[in-house]
Amino acid sequence: MRLVIDANVLFTYFWPGSALQQLLSREIHLYSPDFSLLEIKEHKKDIIQRTRNTAKTFQKLIEEMKLEIKFIPSSSYEPYMTQVYTLIRNFPLPEQDKFLKDADYLALALQQKCPLWTNDLFLKKQKGVEIKTTQDILEVL
């Protein structure tokens, strides 16, 4: 199985027993934009507080995450942004703005030719990228 995963799903990496943790024990290839790592680090304090981990454990988990998930630079999937704009152009402007917040994930999914794992149900409105929720993933497990 191949999936692009958004930052909110990546956050669950720090929770033992999460769907993401369960999936890692299977034959799977996971991808995410490299800026997702920055987003995780921006929420470091909150993640540490919620998981009751130490800063040292957090850093160790980040390093493990980098081995499990391939983080892709935007230059690699940037050519697919045009397709994303085409997918959303017929939506009203306020909805286009919502889509644009996740445009990198959509473009990466187009580049990798695989579904996007996100719990943002709004993204199911577009028809160019298959969207999988955590519930969908748990049904496969």
Protein backbone atom coordinates (compact mmCIF):
# COMPACT_ATOMS: atom_id res chain seq x y z
CA MET A 1 0.00 0.00 0.00
CA ARG A 2 1.16 3.53 -0.80
CA LEU A 3 -0.23 6.65 0.85
CA VAL A 4 0.52 10.34 1.15
CA ILE A 5 -0.19 11.44 4.72
CA ASP A 6 -1.00 14.89 6.01
CA ALA A 7 0.50 16.55 9.08
CA ASN A 8 -2.47 15.78 11.33
CA VAL A 9 -2.03 12.07 10.64
CA LEU A 10 1.72 12.44 11.19
CA PHE A 11 1.04 13.88 14.65
CA THR A 12 -0.42 10.51 15.64
CA TYR A 13 3.00 8.91 15.14
CA PHE A 14 3.78 9.98 18.69
CA TRP A 15 0.79 8.09 20.15
CA PRO A 16 1.46 4.38 20.76
CA GLY A 17 -1.20 2.19 19.18
CA SER A 18 -2.38 4.82 16.70
CA ALA A 19 -3.56 3.70 13.27
CA LEU A 20 -0.32 5.08 11.84
CA GLN A 21 1.76 3.04 14.30
CA GLN A 22 -0.26 -0.08 13.46
CA LEU A 23 0.19 0.48 9.74
CA LEU A 24 3.98 0.77 9.99
CA SER A 25 4.27 -2.92 10.79
CA ARG A 26 2.84 -3.75 7.36
CA GLU A 27 4.19 -3.53 3.84
CA ILE A 28 3.53 0.14 3.25
CA HIS A 29 5.14 3.16 1.64
CA LEU A 30 4.29 6.51 3.19
CA TYR A 31 5.04 9.96 1.79
CA SER A 32 4.58 13.48 3.05
CA PRO A 33 5.80 16.93 2.01
CA ASP A 34 9.04 17.80 3.79
CA PHE A 35 7.46 20.89 5.35
CA SER A 36 5.36 18.51 7.47
CA LEU A 37 8.44 17.91 9.62
CA LEU A 38 8.66 21.64 10.30
CA GLU A 39 4.99 21.70 11.25
CA ILE A 40 5.53 18.85 13.70
CA LYS A 41 8.50 20.62 15.23
CA GLU A 42 6.41 23.79 15.59
CA HIS A 43 3.98 21.75 17.71
CA LYS A 44 6.73 20.01 19.67
CA LYS A 45 5.73 21.44 23.04
CA ASP A 46 2.08 20.45 22.61
CA ILE A 47 2.97 16.95 21.40
CA ILE A 48 5.34 16.40 24.31
CA GLN A 49 2.71 17.62 26.75
CA ARG A 50 -0.06 15.43 25.30
CA THR A 51 2.06 12.29 25.00
CA ARG A 52 3.95 12.88 28.24
CA ASN A 53 7.20 12.20 26.42
CA THR A 54 10.48 13.95 27.05
CA ALA A 55 12.16 16.23 24.53
CA LYS A 56 14.77 13.50 24.06
CA THR A 57 12.09 10.90 23.28
CA PHE A 58 10.38 13.33 20.92
CA GLN A 59 13.64 13.81 19.00
CA LYS A 60 14.23 10.05 18.89
CA LEU A 61 10.74 9.53 17.48
CA ILE A 62 11.33 12.22 14.84
CA GLU A 63 14.46 10.37 13.71
CA GLU A 64 12.54 7.07 13.59
CA MET A 65 9.75 8.79 11.64
CA LYS A 66 12.26 9.93 9.02
CA LEU A 67 13.20 6.29 8.47
CA GLU A 68 9.58 5.14 8.15
CA ILE A 69 8.16 7.97 6.03
CA LYS A 70 9.67 9.51 2.93
CA PHE A 71 9.57 13.29 3.14
CA ILE A 72 9.48 14.84 -0.33
CA PRO A 73 10.73 18.34 -1.19
CA SER A 74 8.19 20.63 -2.85
CA SER A 75 10.38 20.95 -5.94
CA SER A 76 9.63 17.29 -6.67
CA TYR A 77 5.84 17.63 -6.84
CA GLU A 78 5.58 21.30 -7.79
CA PRO A 79 4.73 20.49 -11.44
CA TYR A 80 1.53 18.81 -10.17
CA MET A 81 0.26 22.01 -8.57
CA THR A 82 -1.22 22.99 -11.94
CA GLN A 83 -3.37 19.85 -11.80
CA VAL A 84 -4.50 20.78 -8.28
CA TYR A 85 -5.55 24.22 -9.49
CA THR A 86 -7.50 22.56 -12.31
CA LEU A 87 -9.23 20.23 -9.81
CA ILE A 88 -10.48 23.12 -7.68
CA ARG A 89 -11.11 25.87 -10.23
CA ASN A 90 -14.87 25.26 -10.42
CA PHE A 91 -15.38 25.60 -6.67
CA PRO A 92 -16.42 28.96 -5.16
CA LEU A 93 -13.46 31.09 -4.04
CA PRO A 94 -13.90 30.43 -0.29
CA GLU A 95 -13.76 26.68 -0.97
CA GLN A 96 -10.77 27.09 -3.27
CA ASP A 97 -8.97 28.80 -0.39
CA LYS A 98 -9.67 25.78 1.82
CA PHE A 99 -8.33 23.44 -0.84
CA LEU A 100 -5.21 25.52 -1.29
CA LYS A 101 -4.26 24.94 2.35
CA ASP A 102 -3.82 21.27 1.43
CA ALA A 103 -2.62 21.77 -2.13
CA ASP A 104 0.83 20.32 -1.41
CA TYR A 105 -0.69 17.08 -0.15
CA LEU A 106 -2.95 16.83 -3.19
CA ALA A 107 -0.05 17.54 -5.57
CA LEU A 108 2.15 14.96 -3.87
CA ALA A 109 -0.64 12.37 -4.08
CA LEU A 110 -0.97 13.12 -7.80
CA GLN A 111 2.77 12.76 -8.26
CA GLN A 112 2.92 9.50 -6.30
CA LYS A 113 -0.29 8.21 -7.93
CA CYS A 114 -1.71 7.12 -4.61
CA PRO A 115 -4.43 8.13 -2.11
CA LEU A 116 -4.11 10.89 0.46
CA TRP A 117 -4.65 9.87 4.09
CA THR A 118 -6.37 12.75 5.82
CA ASN A 119 -9.32 13.26 8.11
CA ASP A 120 -10.26 16.50 6.39
CA LEU A 121 -13.51 15.30 4.81
CA PHE A 122 -13.75 18.54 2.83
CA LEU A 123 -11.08 17.20 0.50
CA LYS A 124 -13.43 14.45 -0.68
CA LYS A 125 -15.28 17.12 -2.69
CA GLN A 126 -12.56 17.12 -5.32
CA LYS A 127 -12.44 14.12 -7.63
CA GLY A 128 -8.79 13.97 -8.75
CA VAL A 129 -7.22 12.41 -5.66
CA GLU A 130 -8.62 9.48 -3.71
CA ILE A 131 -9.05 10.43 -0.05
CA LYS A 132 -8.70 7.86 2.73
CA THR A 133 -9.67 8.65 6.30
CA THR A 134 -8.29 6.97 9.40
CA GLN A 135 -11.55 5.00 9.54
CA ASP A 136 -10.91 3.75 6.01
CA ILE A 137 -7.39 2.72 7.01
CA LEU A 138 -8.58 0.95 10.17
CA GLU A 139 -10.99 -1.11 8.08
CA VAL A 140 -7.99 -2.37 6.08
CA LEU A 141 -6.07 -3.25 9.25
